[in-house]
Amino acid sequence: MNRFFNSFKITIYLSEEKKHGKVLLYKYILEKMEKEGIEGATVLRGVSGYGKHHHIHSVEVWRLSTNLPIIIEAINEKDKIYKLVEDLKKEVTDVLIVIEPVHVIRL
């Protein structure tokens, strides 16, 4: 039987420089996912993008900090994903969260 029969994917969009206290927000969320029992997650750094303020951020050779887009993705059981979202609602702002059902095939 497929271990992820009731699987959902969570995708969280945020800015690279956004913080939760003194910690970068994407690191905080990743650590929270691990503590909540999410089995695996990936953090992706975008090369270009913009958010609700329509200010484009992109990789530029002459700049060290560009506040690039960050995407965090994870797949897990519905209950764990929604519990994580409820916890995040109480703690963070300025993120966009997308949840969608997925079929998982492990080979």
C-alpha atoms as a PDB file:
ATOM      1  CA  MET A   1       0.000   0.000   0.000  1.00  0.00           C
ATOM      2  CA  ASN A   2       1.240   3.469  -0.855  1.00  0.00           C
ATOM      3  CA  ARG A   3       2.439   5.238   2.280  1.00  0.00           C
ATOM      4  CA  PHE A   4       1.377   8.603   0.814  1.00  0.00           C
ATOM      5  CA  PHE A   5      -2.123   7.696  -0.306  1.00  0.00           C
ATOM      6  CA  ASN A   6      -3.607  10.900   1.161  1.00  0.00           C
ATOM      7  CA  SER A   7      -0.728  13.131   0.022  1.00  0.00           C
ATOM      8  CA  PHE A   8      -0.687  16.879  -0.314  1.00  0.00           C
ATOM      9  CA  LYS A   9       2.037  19.205  -1.516  1.00  0.00           C
ATOM     10  CA  ILE A  10       2.645  22.479   0.246  1.00  0.00           C
ATOM     11  CA  THR A  11       4.485  25.250  -1.574  1.00  0.00           C
ATOM     12  CA  ILE A  12       5.483  28.341   0.379  1.00  0.00           C
ATOM     13  CA  TYR A  13       6.644  31.484  -1.419  1.00  0.00           C
ATOM     14  CA  LEU A  14       8.602  34.163   0.432  1.00  0.00           C
ATOM     15  CA  SER A  15      11.508  36.582   0.140  1.00  0.00           C
ATOM     16  CA  GLU A  16      15.070  35.526   0.863  1.00  0.00           C
ATOM     17  CA  GLU A  17      15.750  38.301   3.395  1.00  0.00           C
ATOM     18  CA  LYS A  18      12.465  37.963   5.336  1.00  0.00           C
ATOM     19  CA  LYS A  19      13.133  37.141   9.000  1.00  0.00           C
ATOM     20  CA  HIS A  20      11.323  35.604  11.947  1.00  0.00           C
ATOM     21  CA  GLY A  21      12.997  37.300  14.877  1.00  0.00           C
ATOM     22  CA  LYS A  22      16.735  37.022  14.203  1.00  0.00           C
ATOM     23  CA  VAL A  23      16.439  33.908  12.014  1.00  0.00           C
ATOM     24  CA  LEU A  24      15.852  33.903   8.256  1.00  0.00           C
ATOM     25  CA  LEU A  25      12.218  32.930   7.762  1.00  0.00           C
ATOM     26  CA  TYR A  26      12.893  30.132   5.286  1.00  0.00           C
ATOM     27  CA  LYS A  27      15.264  28.499   7.799  1.00  0.00           C
ATOM     28  CA  TYR A  28      12.701  28.912  10.567  1.00  0.00           C
ATOM     29  CA  ILE A  29       9.980  27.279   8.437  1.00  0.00           C
ATOM     30  CA  LEU A  30      12.286  24.434   7.391  1.00  0.00           C
ATOM     31  CA  GLU A  31      13.189  23.709  11.027  1.00  0.00           C
ATOM     32  CA  LYS A  32       9.514  23.876  11.990  1.00  0.00           C
ATOM     33  CA  MET A  33       8.651  21.378   9.247  1.00  0.00           C
ATOM     34  CA  GLU A  34      11.275  18.978  10.552  1.00  0.00           C
ATOM     35  CA  LYS A  35       9.996  19.312  14.143  1.00  0.00           C
ATOM     36  CA  GLU A  36       6.390  18.769  12.989  1.00  0.00           C
ATOM     37  CA  GLY A  37       7.338  15.461  11.352  1.00  0.00           C
ATOM     38  CA  ILE A  38       7.191  16.514   7.713  1.00  0.00           C
ATOM     39  CA  GLU A  39       9.301  13.779   6.123  1.00  0.00           C
ATOM     40  CA  GLY A  40      11.230  15.939   3.674  1.00  0.00           C
ATOM     41  CA  ALA A  41      11.328  19.454   2.323  1.00  0.00           C
ATOM     42  CA  THR A  42      13.265  21.386  -0.291  1.00  0.00           C
ATOM     43  CA  VAL A  43      14.183  25.067  -0.343  1.00  0.00           C
ATOM     44  CA  LEU A  44      14.645  26.571  -3.798  1.00  0.00           C
ATOM     45  CA  ARG A  45      16.214  29.965  -4.496  1.00  0.00           C
ATOM     46  CA  GLY A  46      14.830  31.770  -7.516  1.00  0.00           C
ATOM     47  CA  VAL A  47      16.954  33.663  -9.998  1.00  0.00           C
ATOM     48  CA  SER A  48      14.306  36.312 -10.563  1.00  0.00           C
ATOM     49  CA  GLY A  49      10.803  37.191  -9.475  1.00  0.00           C
ATOM     50  CA  TYR A  50       8.429  39.740  -7.998  1.00  0.00           C
ATOM     51  CA  GLY A  51       5.697  39.783  -5.390  1.00  0.00           C
ATOM     52  CA  LYS A  52       2.625  41.799  -4.539  1.00  0.00           C
ATOM     53  CA  HIS A  53       4.517  45.116  -4.778  1.00  0.00           C
ATOM     54  CA  HIS A  54       5.687  44.310  -8.343  1.00  0.00           C
ATOM     55  CA  HIS A  55       9.325  45.106  -7.614  1.00  0.00           C
ATOM     56  CA  ILE A  56      11.468  42.713  -9.673  1.00  0.00           C
ATOM     57  CA  HIS A  57      14.369  41.069  -7.856  1.00  0.00           C
ATOM     58  CA  SER A  58      16.983  39.240  -9.891  1.00  0.00           C
ATOM     59  CA  VAL A  59      20.517  37.889  -9.740  1.00  0.00           C
ATOM     60  CA  GLU A  60      23.014  40.581 -10.605  1.00  0.00           C
ATOM     61  CA  VAL A  61      26.736  39.926 -10.586  1.00  0.00           C
ATOM     62  CA  TRP A  62      27.674  43.240  -8.976  1.00  0.00           C
ATOM     63  CA  ARG A  63      25.281  42.893  -6.022  1.00  0.00           C
ATOM     64  CA  LEU A  64      25.815  40.525  -3.103  1.00  0.00           C
ATOM     65  CA  SER A  65      22.300  40.691  -1.680  1.00  0.00           C
ATOM     66  CA  THR A  66      19.351  40.739  -4.041  1.00  0.00           C
ATOM     67  CA  ASN A  67      16.466  39.515  -1.839  1.00  0.00           C
ATOM     68  CA  LEU A  68      15.612  36.755  -4.269  1.00  0.00           C
ATOM     69  CA  PRO A  69      12.451  34.661  -4.140  1.00  0.00           C
ATOM     70  CA  ILE A  70      12.492  31.501  -2.030  1.00  0.00           C
ATOM     71  CA  ILE A  71      10.192  28.520  -2.532  1.00  0.00           C
ATOM     72  CA  ILE A  72       9.811  25.787   0.085  1.00  0.00           C
ATOM     73  CA  GLU A  73       8.135  22.554  -1.028  1.00  0.00           C
ATOM     74  CA  ALA A  74       7.146  19.451   0.887  1.00  0.00           C
ATOM     75  CA  ILE A  75       4.816  16.501   0.414  1.00  0.00           C
ATOM     76  CA  ASN A  76       3.139  14.735   3.293  1.00  0.00           C
ATOM     77  CA  GLU A  77      -0.158  13.556   4.735  1.00  0.00           C
ATOM     78  CA  LYS A  78      -3.037  16.018   4.661  1.00  0.00           C
ATOM     79  CA  ASP A  79      -3.305  16.297   8.451  1.00  0.00           C
ATOM     80  CA  LYS A  80       0.368  17.183   8.914  1.00  0.00           C
ATOM     81  CA  ILE A  81       0.302  19.757   6.108  1.00  0.00           C
ATOM     82  CA  TYR A  82      -2.789  21.502   7.462  1.00  0.00           C
ATOM     83  CA  LYS A  83      -1.476  21.460  11.049  1.00  0.00           C
ATOM     84  CA  LEU A  84       1.710  23.131   9.798  1.00  0.00           C
ATOM     85  CA  VAL A  85      -0.345  25.803   8.009  1.00  0.00           C
ATOM     86  CA  GLU A  86      -2.417  26.523  11.122  1.00  0.00           C
ATOM     87  CA  ASP A  87       0.772  26.928  13.175  1.00  0.00           C
ATOM     88  CA  LEU A  88       2.363  29.194  10.553  1.00  0.00           C
ATOM     89  CA  LYS A  89      -0.759  31.398  10.412  1.00  0.00           C
ATOM     90  CA  LYS A  90      -0.139  32.286  14.059  1.00  0.00           C
ATOM     91  CA  GLU A  91       3.566  33.039  13.616  1.00  0.00           C
ATOM     92  CA  VAL A  92       4.437  34.473  10.203  1.00  0.00           C
ATOM     93  CA  THR A  93       3.277  37.069   7.679  1.00  0.00           C
ATOM     94  CA  ASP A  94       4.117  38.009   4.096  1.00  0.00           C
ATOM     95  CA  VAL A  95       4.185  34.483   2.710  1.00  0.00           C
ATOM     96  CA  LEU A  96       2.014  32.840   0.074  1.00  0.00           C
ATOM     97  CA  ILE A  97       1.042  29.218   0.693  1.00  0.00           C
ATOM     98  CA  VAL A  98      -0.369  26.854  -1.938  1.00  0.00           C
ATOM     99  CA  ILE A  99      -1.658  23.386  -1.035  1.00  0.00           C
ATOM    100  CA  GLU A 100      -2.636  20.818  -3.615  1.00  0.00           C
ATOM    101  CA  PRO A 101      -3.401  17.092  -3.641  1.00  0.00           C
ATOM    102  CA  VAL A 102      -0.771  14.977  -5.374  1.00  0.00           C
ATOM    103  CA  HIS A 103      -0.189  11.381  -6.390  1.00  0.00           C
ATOM    104  CA  VAL A 104       3.123  10.105  -5.109  1.00  0.00           C
ATOM    105  CA  ILE A 105       4.977   7.252  -6.781  1.00  0.00           C
ATOM    106  CA  ARG A 106       8.151   5.987  -5.146  1.00  0.00           C
ATOM    107  CA  LEU A 107      10.347   3.863  -7.378  1.00  0.00           C
END
